[in-house]
Each structure stands twice: as structure tokens, then as C-alpha cells.
N, C-alpha and C. Protein backbone atom coordinates (compact mmCIF):
# COMPACT_ATOMS: atom_id res chain seq x y z
N MET A 1 62.33 37.45 3.93
CA MET A 1 61.32 38.40 3.71
C MET A 1 61.08 39.37 4.67
N THR A 2 62.31 39.75 5.18
CA THR A 2 62.09 40.64 6.22
C THR A 2 62.94 41.82 5.74
N GLU A 3 62.26 42.72 4.80
CA GLU A 3 62.65 43.91 4.17
C GLU A 3 62.63 44.96 5.21
N ASP A 4 63.62 45.80 5.27
CA ASP A 4 63.62 47.09 6.12
C ASP A 4 63.25 48.42 5.47
N ASN A 5 61.95 48.55 5.31
CA ASN A 5 61.42 49.60 4.58
C ASN A 5 61.34 50.99 5.60
N SER A 6 61.63 50.92 6.81
CA SER A 6 61.77 52.17 7.73
C SER A 6 62.53 53.18 7.14
N SER A 7 63.53 52.73 6.43
CA SER A 7 64.38 53.89 5.79
C SER A 7 64.07 54.48 4.82
N THR A 8 63.09 53.99 4.01
CA THR A 8 62.52 54.58 2.71
C THR A 8 61.25 55.39 3.02
N GLU A 9 60.53 55.02 4.15
CA GLU A 9 59.24 55.70 4.52
C GLU A 9 59.56 56.90 5.23
N VAL A 10 58.87 57.91 4.77
CA VAL A 10 59.00 59.26 5.23
C VAL A 10 57.73 59.43 6.19
N PRO A 11 57.65 59.86 7.30
CA PRO A 11 56.37 60.13 8.17
C PRO A 11 55.53 61.43 7.56
N GLU A 12 54.41 61.14 7.84
CA GLU A 12 53.48 62.27 7.30
C GLU A 12 53.66 63.75 7.78
N ASN A 13 54.28 63.62 9.01
CA ASN A 13 54.35 65.06 9.86
C ASN A 13 55.75 65.37 9.64
N SER A 14 56.60 65.02 8.93
CA SER A 14 57.88 65.35 8.66
C SER A 14 58.17 66.72 8.16
N PHE A 15 59.00 67.50 8.74
CA PHE A 15 59.18 68.77 8.11
C PHE A 15 60.75 69.01 7.60
N TYR A 16 61.33 67.73 7.33
CA TYR A 16 62.62 67.89 6.91
C TYR A 16 62.56 68.12 5.45
N ILE A 17 63.34 69.16 5.08
CA ILE A 17 63.51 69.65 3.73
C ILE A 17 64.69 69.33 3.08
N PRO A 18 64.98 68.30 2.34
CA PRO A 18 66.29 67.88 1.58
C PRO A 18 67.11 69.03 1.06
N PRO A 19 68.35 68.85 1.40
CA PRO A 19 69.21 70.12 0.76
C PRO A 19 69.05 70.02 -0.83
N GLN A 20 68.88 71.17 -1.79
CA GLN A 20 69.14 71.10 -2.87
C GLN A 20 70.37 71.64 -3.54
N LYS A 21 70.83 71.35 -4.82
CA LYS A 21 71.72 71.93 -5.28
C LYS A 21 71.72 73.29 -5.63
N THR A 22 72.46 74.18 -5.03
CA THR A 22 72.44 75.63 -5.29
C THR A 22 73.87 76.10 -5.77
N PRO A 23 73.95 77.17 -6.43
CA PRO A 23 75.18 77.73 -6.68
C PRO A 23 76.23 77.88 -5.51
N VAL A 24 75.79 77.80 -4.33
CA VAL A 24 76.62 78.10 -3.04
C VAL A 24 77.30 77.00 -2.94
N THR A 25 76.63 75.77 -3.44
CA THR A 25 77.45 74.28 -3.11
C THR A 25 78.03 73.95 -4.27
N THR A 26 78.19 74.63 -5.24
CA THR A 26 78.99 74.37 -6.41
C THR A 26 80.56 74.83 -6.13
N ALA A 27 81.39 74.53 -6.86
CA ALA A 27 82.77 74.99 -6.87
C ALA A 27 82.70 76.54 -6.92
N GLN A 28 83.54 77.28 -6.14
CA GLN A 28 83.36 78.78 -6.37
C GLN A 28 84.71 79.28 -6.92
N LYS A 29 84.72 80.23 -7.58
CA LYS A 29 85.83 81.13 -8.00
C LYS A 29 86.61 81.74 -7.19
N PRO A 30 87.89 81.48 -7.01
CA PRO A 30 88.70 82.38 -5.96
C PRO A 30 88.64 84.07 -6.20
N VAL A 31 88.37 84.52 -5.16
CA VAL A 31 88.16 86.02 -5.24
C VAL A 31 89.39 86.69 -5.92
N GLU A 32 89.46 87.43 -6.93
CA GLU A 32 90.45 88.25 -7.32
C GLU A 32 90.59 89.53 -6.85
N LYS A 33 92.00 89.84 -6.29
CA LYS A 33 92.04 91.09 -5.58
C LYS A 33 92.67 92.04 -6.39
N LYS A 34 92.21 93.15 -6.64
CA LYS A 34 92.47 94.27 -7.34
C LYS A 34 93.85 95.12 -6.90
N THR A 35 94.58 95.43 -7.75
CA THR A 35 95.62 95.90 -7.72
C THR A 35 95.35 97.26 -7.10
N GLY A 36 96.30 97.60 -6.08
CA GLY A 36 95.94 99.10 -5.49
C GLY A 36 94.96 99.31 -4.23
N THR A 37 94.35 98.14 -3.90
CA THR A 37 93.43 98.47 -2.94
C THR A 37 93.99 98.51 -1.65
N ASP A 38 95.24 98.06 -1.45
CA ASP A 38 95.79 98.09 -0.03
C ASP A 38 95.92 99.54 0.12
N TRP A 39 96.32 100.39 -0.86
CA TRP A 39 96.59 101.87 -0.67
C TRP A 39 95.47 102.65 -0.64
N ILE A 40 94.29 102.13 -1.26
CA ILE A 40 93.29 103.04 -0.85
C ILE A 40 92.69 103.21 0.50
N GLY A 41 92.44 101.93 1.17
CA GLY A 41 92.46 101.87 2.60
C GLY A 41 93.26 102.63 3.33
N LEU A 42 94.44 102.72 3.20
CA LEU A 42 95.36 103.84 3.85
C LEU A 42 94.93 105.05 3.77
N ALA A 43 94.77 105.69 2.39
CA ALA A 43 94.31 106.97 1.86
C ALA A 43 93.07 107.07 2.63
N TYR A 44 91.92 106.24 2.76
CA TYR A 44 90.79 106.67 3.45
C TYR A 44 91.14 107.08 4.86
N ILE A 45 92.15 106.04 5.68
CA ILE A 45 92.29 106.37 7.09
C ILE A 45 93.05 107.81 7.05
N LEU A 46 94.05 108.06 6.31
CA LEU A 46 94.66 109.51 6.32
C LEU A 46 93.75 110.67 6.24
N ILE A 47 92.91 110.37 5.05
CA ILE A 47 91.79 111.61 4.83
C ILE A 47 90.82 111.63 6.05
N GLY A 48 90.64 110.42 6.70
CA GLY A 48 89.97 110.61 8.02
C GLY A 48 90.33 111.23 9.18
N VAL A 49 91.76 110.85 9.20
CA VAL A 49 92.50 111.62 10.11
C VAL A 49 92.34 113.27 10.10
N PHE A 50 92.77 113.77 8.89
CA PHE A 50 92.86 115.06 8.55
C PHE A 50 91.45 115.57 8.91
N VAL A 51 90.16 114.87 8.33
CA VAL A 51 88.86 115.61 8.82
C VAL A 51 88.71 115.73 9.99
N LEU A 52 89.11 114.64 10.93
CA LEU A 52 88.92 114.86 12.37
C LEU A 52 89.58 115.76 13.01
N ILE A 53 90.85 116.23 12.44
CA ILE A 53 91.53 117.14 13.06
C ILE A 53 91.03 118.54 12.63
N ALA A 54 90.34 118.59 11.54
CA ALA A 54 89.67 119.88 11.06
C ALA A 54 88.44 120.00 11.73
N ALA A 55 87.75 119.12 12.11
CA ALA A 55 86.41 119.20 13.08
C ALA A 55 86.86 119.57 14.19
N PHE A 56 87.92 119.13 14.88
CA PHE A 56 88.27 119.56 16.25
C PHE A 56 88.58 121.12 16.12
N GLN A 57 89.45 121.55 15.24
CA GLN A 57 89.78 122.97 15.06
C GLN A 57 88.41 123.99 14.80
N LEU A 58 87.58 123.22 13.94
CA LEU A 58 86.27 124.15 13.83
C LEU A 58 85.61 124.12 14.97
N TYR A 59 85.56 123.25 15.89
CA TYR A 59 84.60 123.05 17.16
C TYR A 59 85.32 124.24 18.08
N PHE A 60 86.47 124.30 18.19
CA PHE A 60 87.10 125.20 19.04
C PHE A 60 87.01 126.78 18.46
N THR A 61 87.38 126.91 17.24
CA THR A 61 87.11 128.16 16.60
C THR A 61 85.68 128.74 16.94
N ILE A 62 84.87 127.83 16.69
CA ILE A 62 83.33 128.30 16.71
C ILE A 62 83.10 128.86 18.39
N GLN A 63 83.70 128.23 19.10
CA GLN A 63 83.70 128.92 20.79
C GLN A 63 84.24 129.89 20.87
N GLU A 64 85.55 130.35 20.06
CA GLU A 64 86.14 131.59 20.39
C GLU A 64 85.07 132.58 19.37
N LEU A 65 84.48 132.13 18.30
CA LEU A 65 83.71 133.13 17.78
C LEU A 65 82.53 133.49 18.58
N ILE A 66 82.06 132.60 19.42
CA ILE A 66 80.76 133.09 20.04
C ILE A 66 81.25 134.08 21.27
N ARG A 67 82.50 133.72 21.88
CA ARG A 67 83.00 134.69 23.03
C ARG A 67 83.34 135.96 22.47
N THR A 68 83.68 135.99 21.04
CA THR A 68 84.03 137.52 20.44
C THR A 68 82.91 138.03 20.01
N TRP A 69 81.78 137.43 19.21
CA TRP A 69 80.86 138.24 18.60
C TRP A 69 79.54 138.52 19.38
N ILE A 70 79.46 137.55 20.69
CA ILE A 70 78.15 137.65 21.40
C ILE A 70 78.54 138.65 22.55
N SER A 71 77.72 139.20 23.07
CA SER A 71 77.61 140.00 24.30
C SER A 71 78.12 138.73 25.34
N ASP A 72 78.81 139.50 26.31
CA ASP A 72 79.10 138.68 27.61
C ASP A 72 78.17 138.07 28.15
N GLN A 73 76.93 138.73 28.38
CA GLN A 73 75.77 138.26 29.18
C GLN A 73 75.09 137.11 28.34
N PHE A 74 75.31 136.87 26.87
CA PHE A 74 74.54 135.84 26.28
C PHE A 74 75.64 134.76 25.97
N VAL A 75 76.90 134.91 26.15
CA VAL A 75 77.79 133.63 25.89
C VAL A 75 77.42 132.53 26.46
N PRO A 76 76.83 132.18 27.61
CA PRO A 76 76.49 131.06 28.15
C PRO A 76 75.45 130.36 27.44
N ILE A 77 74.46 131.11 27.15
CA ILE A 77 73.22 130.83 26.31
C ILE A 77 73.56 130.30 24.93
N ALA A 78 74.62 131.04 24.32
CA ALA A 78 75.03 130.66 22.99
C ALA A 78 75.85 129.59 23.00
N SER A 79 76.60 129.45 24.11
CA SER A 79 77.61 128.36 23.90
C SER A 79 76.61 126.94 24.47
N ALA A 80 75.73 127.02 25.30
CA ALA A 80 74.68 125.99 25.53
C ALA A 80 74.06 125.39 24.30
N VAL A 81 73.55 126.29 23.50
CA VAL A 81 72.92 126.10 22.32
C VAL A 81 73.84 125.40 21.27
N TYR A 82 75.02 126.00 21.22
CA TYR A 82 76.09 125.22 20.33
C TYR A 82 76.39 124.00 20.80
N TYR A 83 76.39 123.55 22.13
CA TYR A 83 76.93 122.34 22.61
C TYR A 83 75.77 121.51 22.53
N LEU A 84 74.36 121.73 22.66
CA LEU A 84 73.29 121.21 22.11
C LEU A 84 73.16 120.70 20.87
N ALA A 85 73.55 121.73 19.89
CA ALA A 85 73.42 121.21 18.36
C ALA A 85 74.63 120.16 18.01
N VAL A 86 75.88 120.49 18.72
CA VAL A 86 76.75 119.20 18.55
C VAL A 86 76.43 117.87 19.06
N ILE A 87 75.91 118.10 20.29
CA ILE A 87 75.46 116.54 20.98
C ILE A 87 74.20 116.01 19.89
N ILE A 88 73.28 116.81 19.40
CA ILE A 88 72.21 116.18 18.60
C ILE A 88 72.93 115.73 17.28
N VAL A 89 73.77 116.35 16.88
CA VAL A 89 74.16 116.02 15.52
C VAL A 89 75.24 114.63 15.71
N GLY A 90 75.84 114.72 16.74
CA GLY A 90 76.62 113.53 17.09
C GLY A 90 75.79 112.01 17.33
N VAL A 91 74.66 112.32 18.18
CA VAL A 91 73.75 111.29 18.50
C VAL A 91 73.22 110.67 17.06
N TRP A 92 72.67 111.81 16.23
CA TRP A 92 72.19 111.16 15.05
C TRP A 92 73.18 110.54 14.16
N LEU A 93 74.35 111.07 13.99
CA LEU A 93 75.42 110.39 13.16
C LEU A 93 75.49 109.10 13.71
N ILE A 94 75.82 108.78 14.94
CA ILE A 94 76.11 107.57 15.56
C ILE A 94 74.68 106.68 15.49
N ARG A 95 73.63 107.04 15.57
CA ARG A 95 72.21 106.27 15.12
C ARG A 95 72.27 106.02 13.61
N GLU A 96 72.77 106.63 12.85
CA GLU A 96 72.71 106.13 11.29
C GLU A 96 73.79 105.27 11.03
N TYR A 97 74.89 105.38 11.49
CA TYR A 97 75.83 104.51 11.65
C TYR A 97 75.66 102.98 11.96
N ILE A 98 75.02 103.22 13.38
CA ILE A 98 74.35 101.82 13.79
C ILE A 98 73.35 101.21 12.86
N ARG A 99 72.49 101.87 12.40
CA ARG A 99 71.38 101.50 11.70
C ARG A 99 71.63 100.87 10.26
N LYS A 100 72.71 101.39 9.67
CA LYS A 100 73.41 100.96 8.64
C LYS A 100 74.05 99.54 8.66
N GLN A 101 74.57 99.34 10.02
CA GLN A 101 75.14 98.23 10.50
C GLN A 101 74.33 97.02 10.40
């Protein structure tokens, strides 16, 4: 007559929640890979490289335009404003990228 009821009793202050059967615990279907997705990633990288090259060329072209169109005495001020705008836009883009991650 010595039954062990301790395994069936649950203390009143227990915070244990037993696992429930969810779709995650059932058998999952294998992920189907779409054809052509390997080349899409390569195309994005290639387009990104072209955009980066164009951005560098635009950056240096704007510097030359400032030296050409603006009077010599105002070139440092215009360049400073241009550099400040580039820094602000760069920081904003990095912040948005980090925020999305």
C-alpha cells in the first residue's frame, strides 16, 4: 500500500507549461528550390557593383563641378556643404539598414 503519488501530483505554485502539439512539431515538407535563383543572386551582386562604381564617379564629378561653377573663394564652403550632405545621407542609410536587421 505504498503508492508513489508524487509523480502525478503537481504543486500549486508550478509554472511549468507542458508542450503542445503545434505545426512546428509535426513533419515539415522539404523546401523546394526554385530554378534560376542562383543566377538571380549573382545578378544582384553584379548590379550592385555597377551602382557602386557609378556612385563613386558621380561623387568625384560633383567635386569637379563645384570647382568649375563656383567662384574660387566659395569652393571650400560649397565642398564642405557637399561633404556634410554625403555624410548625413550615408549615416541615414546605414541607420535604416541596421534598423531593418
